[in-house]
Amino acid sequence: MGSRAAGVASERAAAPAAVVAMAICSLGAAVIHAATTKTGFDLSALDGAFFVAVAAGQAGWAVLVVMRPVRAVLMLGAAGNAGVLAVWAVSRTAGVPIGPEAGVRLPVGFPDAVTAALEAILVLAASFTW
């Protein structure tokens, strides 16, 4: 076993093509979330802050996974995006859980459907890559 393999035996690096695909999905979702921040802040500071945090997290994860495509980073991306995807699904089925629109079911629009698809692809890819 080489020195690199011996030092990180428990961490398996993801395949480069899969890492690039996941990073692109994450950046795409981040861009859409960032573009939605003004609308979020128009509703409430909580909504705006949520979109800023999600966009920053997704963009940061895209950089991180390219720099360090190991199991822990893949798990972080899968868990974080699954959480965001769950909030989206609840807001479209049962209604927004908190904030000024609490209990209101939001319609599915094209940008949020694309974002949800990118997040779902990322979650599946990260889950099967680690």
C-alpha atoms as a PDB file:
ATOM      1  CA  MET A   1       0.000   0.000   0.000  1.00  0.00           C
ATOM      2  CA  GLY A   2       1.389   3.434  -0.958  1.00  0.00           C
ATOM      3  CA  SER A   3       1.914   6.185   1.582  1.00  0.00           C
ATOM      4  CA  ARG A   4      -1.198   8.050   0.439  1.00  0.00           C
ATOM      5  CA  ALA A   5      -3.326   4.904   0.645  1.00  0.00           C
ATOM      6  CA  ALA A   6      -1.959   4.047   4.066  1.00  0.00           C
ATOM      7  CA  GLY A   7      -2.711   7.531   5.386  1.00  0.00           C
ATOM      8  CA  VAL A   8      -6.301   7.611   4.188  1.00  0.00           C
ATOM      9  CA  ALA A   9      -7.274   3.948   4.071  1.00  0.00           C
ATOM     10  CA  SER A  10     -10.739   4.707   5.444  1.00  0.00           C
ATOM     11  CA  GLU A  11     -11.363   7.476   2.893  1.00  0.00           C
ATOM     12  CA  ARG A  12     -12.051   6.441  -0.676  1.00  0.00           C
ATOM     13  CA  ALA A  13     -11.755   9.230  -3.227  1.00  0.00           C
ATOM     14  CA  ALA A  14     -14.740   9.634  -5.531  1.00  0.00           C
ATOM     15  CA  ALA A  15     -14.396   9.229  -9.291  1.00  0.00           C
ATOM     16  CA  PRO A  16     -13.431  12.527 -10.955  1.00  0.00           C
ATOM     17  CA  ALA A  17     -16.382  12.587 -13.408  1.00  0.00           C
ATOM     18  CA  ALA A  18     -18.879  11.982 -10.605  1.00  0.00           C
ATOM     19  CA  VAL A  19     -17.283  14.725  -8.507  1.00  0.00           C
ATOM     20  CA  VAL A  20     -17.505  17.231 -11.355  1.00  0.00           C
ATOM     21  CA  ALA A  21     -21.147  16.294 -12.023  1.00  0.00           C
ATOM     22  CA  MET A  22     -22.047  16.708  -8.345  1.00  0.00           C
ATOM     23  CA  ALA A  23     -20.201  20.029  -8.139  1.00  0.00           C
ATOM     24  CA  ILE A  24     -22.077  21.293 -11.207  1.00  0.00           C
ATOM     25  CA  CYS A  25     -25.415  20.232  -9.690  1.00  0.00           C
ATOM     26  CA  SER A  26     -24.541  21.973  -6.448  1.00  0.00           C
ATOM     27  CA  LEU A  27     -23.409  25.161  -8.190  1.00  0.00           C
ATOM     28  CA  GLY A  28     -26.550  25.186 -10.331  1.00  0.00           C
ATOM     29  CA  ALA A  29     -28.763  24.896  -7.258  1.00  0.00           C
ATOM     30  CA  ALA A  30     -26.677  27.570  -5.491  1.00  0.00           C
ATOM     31  CA  VAL A  31     -27.084  30.016  -8.379  1.00  0.00           C
ATOM     32  CA  ILE A  32     -30.858  29.554  -8.414  1.00  0.00           C
ATOM     33  CA  HIS A  33     -31.054  29.967  -4.631  1.00  0.00           C
ATOM     34  CA  ALA A  34     -28.876  33.090  -4.837  1.00  0.00           C
ATOM     35  CA  ALA A  35     -31.142  34.517  -7.543  1.00  0.00           C
ATOM     36  CA  THR A  36     -34.099  33.968  -5.211  1.00  0.00           C
ATOM     37  CA  THR A  37     -32.686  35.868  -2.235  1.00  0.00           C
ATOM     38  CA  LYS A  38     -34.338  39.197  -3.139  1.00  0.00           C
ATOM     39  CA  THR A  39     -37.740  37.525  -3.347  1.00  0.00           C
ATOM     40  CA  GLY A  40     -37.001  35.802  -0.048  1.00  0.00           C
ATOM     41  CA  PHE A  41     -36.068  39.055   1.662  1.00  0.00           C
ATOM     42  CA  ASP A  42     -39.198  40.693   0.217  1.00  0.00           C
ATOM     43  CA  LEU A  43     -41.214  38.104   2.179  1.00  0.00           C
ATOM     44  CA  SER A  44     -39.189  38.179   5.385  1.00  0.00           C
ATOM     45  CA  ALA A  45     -35.665  38.351   6.758  1.00  0.00           C
ATOM     46  CA  LEU A  46     -35.972  34.667   7.699  1.00  0.00           C
ATOM     47  CA  ASP A  47     -36.815  33.627   4.132  1.00  0.00           C
ATOM     48  CA  GLY A  48     -34.027  35.745   2.676  1.00  0.00           C
ATOM     49  CA  ALA A  49     -31.480  34.455   5.166  1.00  0.00           C
ATOM     50  CA  PHE A  50     -32.517  30.877   4.379  1.00  0.00           C
ATOM     51  CA  PHE A  51     -31.831  31.366   0.662  1.00  0.00           C
ATOM     52  CA  VAL A  52     -28.487  33.084   1.348  1.00  0.00           C
ATOM     53  CA  ALA A  53     -27.407  30.273   3.680  1.00  0.00           C
ATOM     54  CA  VAL A  54     -28.468  27.538   1.277  1.00  0.00           C
ATOM     55  CA  ALA A  55     -26.780  29.231  -1.700  1.00  0.00           C
ATOM     56  CA  ALA A  56     -23.552  29.737   0.263  1.00  0.00           C
ATOM     57  CA  GLY A  57     -23.606  26.172   1.565  1.00  0.00           C
ATOM     58  CA  GLN A  58     -24.166  24.672  -1.867  1.00  0.00           C
ATOM     59  CA  ALA A  59     -21.501  26.822  -3.511  1.00  0.00           C
ATOM     60  CA  GLY A  60     -19.040  26.086  -0.718  1.00  0.00           C
ATOM     61  CA  TRP A  61     -19.724  22.366  -0.901  1.00  0.00           C
ATOM     62  CA  ALA A  62     -19.138  22.383  -4.677  1.00  0.00           C
ATOM     63  CA  VAL A  63     -15.648  23.779  -4.110  1.00  0.00           C
ATOM     64  CA  LEU A  64     -14.981  21.473  -1.165  1.00  0.00           C
ATOM     65  CA  VAL A  65     -15.976  18.282  -2.978  1.00  0.00           C
ATOM     66  CA  VAL A  66     -13.676  19.106  -5.891  1.00  0.00           C
ATOM     67  CA  MET A  67     -10.793  19.813  -3.509  1.00  0.00           C
ATOM     68  CA  ARG A  68     -11.439  16.846  -1.199  1.00  0.00           C
ATOM     69  CA  PRO A  69     -13.770  14.218  -2.719  1.00  0.00           C
ATOM     70  CA  VAL A  70     -13.845  11.880   0.273  1.00  0.00           C
ATOM     71  CA  ARG A  71     -16.657  10.054   2.027  1.00  0.00           C
ATOM     72  CA  ALA A  72     -17.234  12.642   4.781  1.00  0.00           C
ATOM     73  CA  VAL A  73     -17.605  15.457   2.238  1.00  0.00           C
ATOM     74  CA  LEU A  74     -19.926  13.363   0.063  1.00  0.00           C
ATOM     75  CA  MET A  75     -22.049  12.517   3.111  1.00  0.00           C
ATOM     76  CA  LEU A  76     -22.211  16.201   4.072  1.00  0.00           C
ATOM     77  CA  GLY A  77     -23.431  17.140   0.590  1.00  0.00           C
ATOM     78  CA  ALA A  78     -25.992  14.342   0.493  1.00  0.00           C
ATOM     79  CA  ALA A  79     -27.353  15.191   3.946  1.00  0.00           C
ATOM     80  CA  GLY A  80     -27.437  18.954   3.411  1.00  0.00           C
ATOM     81  CA  ASN A  81     -29.141  18.749   0.048  1.00  0.00           C
ATOM     82  CA  ALA A  82     -31.572  16.090   1.268  1.00  0.00           C
ATOM     83  CA  GLY A  83     -32.549  18.488   4.047  1.00  0.00           C
ATOM     84  CA  VAL A  84     -33.105  21.365   1.637  1.00  0.00           C
ATOM     85  CA  LEU A  85     -35.038  19.047  -0.671  1.00  0.00           C
ATOM     86  CA  ALA A  86     -37.223  17.935   2.254  1.00  0.00           C
ATOM     87  CA  VAL A  87     -38.023  21.554   3.163  1.00  0.00           C
ATOM     88  CA  TRP A  88     -38.962  22.190  -0.468  1.00  0.00           C
ATOM     89  CA  ALA A  89     -41.219  19.097  -0.600  1.00  0.00           C
ATOM     90  CA  VAL A  90     -42.976  20.037   2.653  1.00  0.00           C
ATOM     91  CA  SER A  91     -43.496  23.614   1.471  1.00  0.00           C
ATOM     92  CA  ARG A  92     -45.153  22.309  -1.716  1.00  0.00           C
ATOM     93  CA  THR A  93     -47.333  19.644  -0.049  1.00  0.00           C
ATOM     94  CA  ALA A  94     -48.162  20.523   3.567  1.00  0.00           C
ATOM     95  CA  GLY A  95     -47.201  24.190   3.464  1.00  0.00           C
ATOM     96  CA  VAL A  96     -44.325  26.368   4.555  1.00  0.00           C
ATOM     97  CA  PRO A  97     -43.403  25.231   8.096  1.00  0.00           C
ATOM     98  CA  ILE A  98     -42.467  28.653   9.569  1.00  0.00           C
ATOM     99  CA  GLY A  99     -42.404  32.340   8.745  1.00  0.00           C
ATOM    100  CA  PRO A 100     -45.001  34.771   7.413  1.00  0.00           C
ATOM    101  CA  GLU A 101     -46.420  32.159   5.021  1.00  0.00           C
ATOM    102  CA  ALA A 102     -46.613  29.349   7.600  1.00  0.00           C
ATOM    103  CA  GLY A 103     -49.138  26.742   6.500  1.00  0.00           C
ATOM    104  CA  VAL A 104     -49.406  28.091   2.952  1.00  0.00           C
ATOM    105  CA  ARG A 105     -48.683  25.536   0.223  1.00  0.00           C
ATOM    106  CA  LEU A 106     -46.441  27.077  -2.397  1.00  0.00           C
ATOM    107  CA  PRO A 107     -46.878  26.288  -6.082  1.00  0.00           C
ATOM    108  CA  VAL A 108     -44.205  24.350  -7.952  1.00  0.00           C
ATOM    109  CA  GLY A 109     -42.461  26.723 -10.316  1.00  0.00           C
ATOM    110  CA  PHE A 110     -39.913  25.985 -13.006  1.00  0.00           C
ATOM    111  CA  PRO A 111     -36.843  27.373 -11.146  1.00  0.00           C
ATOM    112  CA  ASP A 112     -37.601  25.516  -7.911  1.00  0.00           C
ATOM    113  CA  ALA A 113     -38.398  22.298  -9.805  1.00  0.00           C
ATOM    114  CA  VAL A 114     -35.021  22.524 -11.570  1.00  0.00           C
ATOM    115  CA  THR A 115     -33.315  23.213  -8.249  1.00  0.00           C
ATOM    116  CA  ALA A 116     -35.055  20.241  -6.618  1.00  0.00           C
ATOM    117  CA  ALA A 117     -34.000  18.011  -9.519  1.00  0.00           C
ATOM    118  CA  LEU A 118     -30.363  19.146  -9.214  1.00  0.00           C
ATOM    119  CA  GLU A 119     -30.445  18.495  -5.464  1.00  0.00           C
ATOM    120  CA  ALA A 120     -32.025  15.058  -5.948  1.00  0.00           C
ATOM    121  CA  ILE A 121     -29.386  14.109  -8.528  1.00  0.00           C
ATOM    122  CA  LEU A 122     -26.660  15.288  -6.163  1.00  0.00           C
ATOM    123  CA  VAL A 123     -28.095  13.338  -3.220  1.00  0.00           C
ATOM    124  CA  LEU A 124     -28.322  10.137  -5.268  1.00  0.00           C
ATOM    125  CA  ALA A 125     -24.891  10.567  -6.851  1.00  0.00           C
ATOM    126  CA  ALA A 126     -23.204  11.320  -3.521  1.00  0.00           C
ATOM    127  CA  SER A 127     -24.969   8.403  -1.851  1.00  0.00           C
ATOM    128  CA  PHE A 128     -23.906   5.915  -4.507  1.00  0.00           C
ATOM    129  CA  THR A 129     -20.376   7.320  -4.875  1.00  0.00           C
ATOM    130  CA  TRP A 130     -19.259   6.928  -1.303  1.00  0.00           C
END
